[in-house]
Protein backbone atom coordinates (compact mmCIF):
# COMPACT_ATOMS: atom_id res chain seq x y z
CA MET A 1 110.80 1.73 -38.45
CA THR A 2 107.45 0.57 -37.55
CA ARG A 3 105.84 1.67 -34.58
CA ILE A 4 103.96 -0.79 -32.50
CA ASN A 5 101.29 0.54 -30.36
CA LEU A 6 101.48 -1.44 -27.23
CA LEU A 7 98.66 0.32 -25.61
CA PRO A 8 95.73 -1.92 -24.98
CA TRP A 9 93.41 -0.07 -27.32
CA ARG A 10 91.02 -2.95 -27.66
CA GLU A 11 90.65 -3.12 -23.93
CA ALA A 12 90.04 0.60 -23.78
CA LEU A 13 87.48 0.28 -26.53
CA ARG A 14 85.73 -2.50 -24.61
CA LYS A 15 85.73 -0.42 -21.46
CA GLU A 16 84.29 2.51 -23.38
CA ARG A 17 81.58 0.31 -24.89
CA LYS A 18 80.81 -1.18 -21.47
CA ARG A 19 80.55 2.32 -20.03
CA GLN A 20 78.27 3.43 -22.88
CA PHE A 21 76.19 0.26 -22.46
CA ALA A 22 75.95 0.76 -18.69
CA SER A 23 74.94 4.39 -19.16
CA MET A 24 72.33 3.37 -21.79
CA VAL A 25 71.00 0.64 -19.46
CA GLY A 26 71.00 3.11 -16.53
CA GLY A 27 69.29 5.76 -18.68
CA ALA A 28 66.71 3.24 -19.85
CA ALA A 29 66.20 2.08 -16.26
CA LEU A 30 65.76 5.70 -15.11
CA LEU A 31 63.40 6.36 -18.00
CA MET A 32 61.46 3.19 -17.16
CA LEU A 33 61.36 4.11 -13.46
CA ALA A 34 60.17 7.62 -14.32
CA SER A 35 57.49 6.14 -16.61
CA VAL A 36 56.31 3.71 -13.93
CA ILE A 37 56.22 6.45 -11.31
CA TYR A 38 54.30 8.75 -13.68
CA ILE A 39 51.81 6.01 -14.59
CA HIS A 40 51.41 5.11 -10.90
CA PHE A 41 50.68 8.70 -9.89
CA HIS A 42 48.43 9.24 -12.91
CA VAL A 43 46.39 6.08 -12.23
CA SER A 44 46.29 6.89 -8.49
CA GLY A 45 45.01 10.35 -9.33
CA MET A 46 42.35 8.91 -11.62
CA ILE A 47 41.31 6.41 -8.93
CA GLU A 48 41.16 9.16 -6.33
CA TYR A 49 39.10 11.34 -8.68
CA GLN A 50 36.71 8.46 -9.39
CA ASN A 51 36.45 7.68 -5.66
CA SER A 52 35.58 11.30 -4.95
CA ARG A 53 32.92 11.17 -7.69
CA ASN A 54 31.59 7.91 -6.24
CA GLY A 55 31.49 9.47 -2.77
CA PHE A 56 29.57 12.45 -4.14
CA LEU A 57 27.14 10.13 -5.92
CA GLU A 58 26.66 8.04 -2.77
CA LYS A 59 25.87 11.18 -0.77
CA GLU A 60 23.36 12.30 -3.40
CA ILE A 61 21.83 8.82 -3.54
CA ALA A 62 21.47 8.87 0.25
CA LYS A 63 19.72 12.26 0.02
CA VAL A 64 17.38 10.97 -2.69
CA GLU A 65 16.63 7.82 -0.67
CA GLU A 66 15.74 9.98 2.34
CA LYS A 67 13.40 12.00 0.15
CA ILE A 68 11.87 8.80 -1.24
CA LYS A 69 11.39 7.55 2.31
CA GLU A 70 9.70 10.83 3.25
CA ILE A 71 7.50 10.62 0.16
CA ARG A 72 6.47 7.06 1.04
CA GLU A 73 5.67 8.12 4.60
CA LEU A 74 3.64 11.03 3.25
CA GLU A 75 1.81 8.70 0.86
CA THR A 76 0.90 6.29 3.66
CA GLU A 77 -0.19 9.22 5.81
CA LYS A 78 -2.24 10.52 2.87
CA LYS A 79 -3.90 7.11 2.44
CA GLN A 80 -4.69 6.98 6.15
CA LEU A 81 -6.18 10.47 6.03
CA LEU A 82 -8.22 9.63 2.93
CA ASN A 83 -9.49 6.47 4.65
CA ARG A 84 -10.46 8.49 7.69
CA MET A 85 -12.16 11.07 5.51
CA SER A 86 -14.11 8.38 3.67
CA VAL A 87 -15.19 6.81 6.98
CA ILE A 88 -16.29 10.21 8.27
CA GLN A 89 -18.08 10.96 5.02
CA ASP A 90 -19.75 7.55 5.11
CA LEU A 91 -20.86 8.18 8.70
CA GLN A 92 -22.17 11.61 7.71
CA THR A 93 -24.23 10.15 4.87
CA ARG A 94 -25.49 7.25 7.01
CA ARG A 95 -26.47 9.39 10.00
CA PRO A 96 -29.96 10.20 8.71
CA MET A 97 -30.37 6.58 7.56
CA VAL A 98 -30.67 5.38 11.17
CA VAL A 99 -33.51 7.81 11.81
CA HIS A 100 -35.27 6.79 8.59
CA MET A 101 -34.70 3.11 9.32
CA LEU A 102 -36.22 3.31 12.80
CA ASP A 103 -39.11 5.45 11.55
CA LYS A 104 -39.93 3.09 8.65
CA LEU A 105 -39.49 0.06 10.90
CA VAL A 106 -42.06 1.42 13.37
CA ARG A 107 -44.45 2.27 10.52
CA ALA A 108 -44.09 -1.26 9.08
CA LEU A 109 -44.77 -2.90 12.45
CA PRO A 110 -48.43 -4.04 12.56
CA GLU A 111 -50.46 -4.13 15.73
CA GLY A 112 -49.80 -7.25 17.79
CA VAL A 113 -46.12 -7.57 16.79
CA TYR A 114 -43.38 -6.63 19.25
CA LEU A 115 -39.66 -6.53 18.57
CA THR A 116 -37.35 -7.89 21.27
CA LYS A 117 -34.04 -7.56 19.48
CA LEU A 118 -32.66 -5.49 16.62
CA ASP A 119 -29.13 -6.13 15.34
CA GLN A 120 -27.49 -4.38 12.40
CA LYS A 121 -24.37 -5.59 10.58
CA GLY A 122 -23.65 -3.35 7.64
CA ALA A 123 -26.84 -3.16 5.58
CA GLN A 124 -28.29 -6.38 7.06
CA LEU A 125 -30.82 -6.11 9.90
CA SER A 126 -31.65 -9.06 12.15
CA LEU A 127 -35.00 -8.70 13.90
CA ASP A 128 -36.31 -10.93 16.71
CA GLY A 129 -39.75 -10.48 18.15
CA ILE A 130 -43.06 -11.89 19.33
CA ALA A 131 -46.31 -11.75 17.37
CA GLN A 132 -49.83 -12.70 18.38
CA SER A 133 -50.14 -14.90 15.29
CA ASN A 134 -48.28 -16.09 12.22
CA ALA A 135 -50.48 -13.87 10.08
CA ARG A 136 -49.17 -10.78 11.85
CA VAL A 137 -45.58 -11.87 11.13
CA SER A 138 -46.57 -12.29 7.49
CA ALA A 139 -48.13 -8.80 7.47
CA PHE A 140 -44.96 -7.37 9.02
CA MET A 141 -42.86 -8.97 6.28
CA ARG A 142 -45.18 -7.62 3.56
CA ASN A 143 -44.95 -4.12 5.08
CA LEU A 144 -41.15 -4.35 5.13
CA ASP A 145 -41.06 -5.48 1.51
CA ALA A 146 -43.42 -2.65 0.47
CA SER A 147 -41.22 -0.03 2.18
CA ASP A 148 -38.71 1.94 0.13
CA TRP A 149 -36.06 1.55 2.83
CA PHE A 150 -36.07 -2.26 3.12
CA SER A 151 -35.84 -5.21 0.75
CA ASN A 152 -35.71 -9.00 0.78
CA PRO A 153 -37.20 -9.85 4.19
CA LYS A 154 -36.42 -13.48 5.00
CA LEU A 155 -37.98 -15.39 7.83
CA GLY A 156 -35.41 -17.45 9.70
CA VAL A 157 -37.33 -19.08 12.54
CA ILE A 158 -40.90 -18.98 13.74
CA GLN A 159 -41.95 -20.89 16.85
CA VAL A 160 -45.43 -21.11 18.27
CA GLN A 161 -45.51 -20.83 22.06
CA GLU A 162 -48.41 -21.35 24.37
CA LYS A 163 -48.44 -19.59 27.71
CA ASN A 164 -51.43 -19.53 30.05
CA GLY A 165 -53.75 -20.49 27.22
CA ALA A 166 -52.55 -17.65 24.94
CA ARG A 167 -50.69 -18.51 21.77
CA SER A 168 -47.87 -16.38 20.47
CA SER A 169 -45.31 -16.77 17.71
CA LYS A 170 -41.67 -16.10 18.41
CA PHE A 171 -39.92 -15.14 15.17
CA SER A 172 -36.52 -14.21 13.79
CA LEU A 173 -36.09 -12.57 10.39
CA THR A 174 -33.50 -10.67 8.38
CA VAL A 175 -34.02 -7.76 6.04
CA LYS A 176 -31.69 -5.59 3.98
CA GLN A 177 -31.64 -1.86 4.61
CA LEU A 178 -31.28 0.15 1.39
CA THR A 179 -29.02 3.17 0.99
CA PRO A 180 -30.39 6.46 -0.36
CA GLU A 181 -28.62 5.73 -3.68
CA GLU A 182 -30.30 2.32 -3.94
CA ILE A 183 -33.66 3.91 -3.10
CA GLU A 184 -33.21 6.50 -5.89
CA THR A 185 -32.24 3.86 -8.47
CA GLY A 186 -35.20 1.70 -7.38
CA LYS A 187 -37.58 4.64 -7.83
CA ALA A 188 -36.07 5.39 -11.24
CA GLU A 189 -36.51 1.75 -12.33
CA ARG A 190 -40.14 1.69 -11.17
CA SER A 191 -40.97 4.91 -13.04
CA GLN A 192 -39.69 3.54 -16.36
C-alpha cells in the first residue's frame, strides 16, 4: 500500500522560505540601519572635530589680528615720534641759523638803507625797505650775494618816492638763506 502524504509540505516549505526571506530582509535592514547610524555618528564626530579645530583656528586668528593691530598702532606711533624727533632736530640745527642770518643781514646792510619788513618762508627771505638811492639798493644786493649765508638776491619792486624834496627808493627783494651744509659745500667747491 502506498502511503500518500496529505500534509501540505509545499505550503510548509513556502512558509519556511518566506520566514527565512523575511529574517534575511530584516537582518539586512538591521545591518543597513546599523551601518547608517554608524556612518552618521562617525561623520557627525568628524564634523564636530573639524568645527572645534576651526573654532580654535578662529580664536588664534583673532589673537594674531589683535597683535597685528597693536603692531600697526605702534608703527604709526613710531612714525609720529620719529617725525617729532626730526622736527626737533631740525629746529635744534636751525636755531643758530637765525642768529647768523640776522648778524649777516645787518653786516650786509649799507648805510642809507633801512628795512621795514622781513618775512621768512622756509629758506626764502622777503625783504622790504627804503633806501636813499637805487645805488644803495644795488650795493645791498651785492653785499647779500657776497655773503656766505645768502644767495640769489632778486629785486622784485623798486619805486622812487619824493617827499618834501627828498628822494627815496622803496624796494622789495627776495634772497635765499643757505643752510650750514650748503655753506660747507659752497666753500669746498670754491677751494677746488
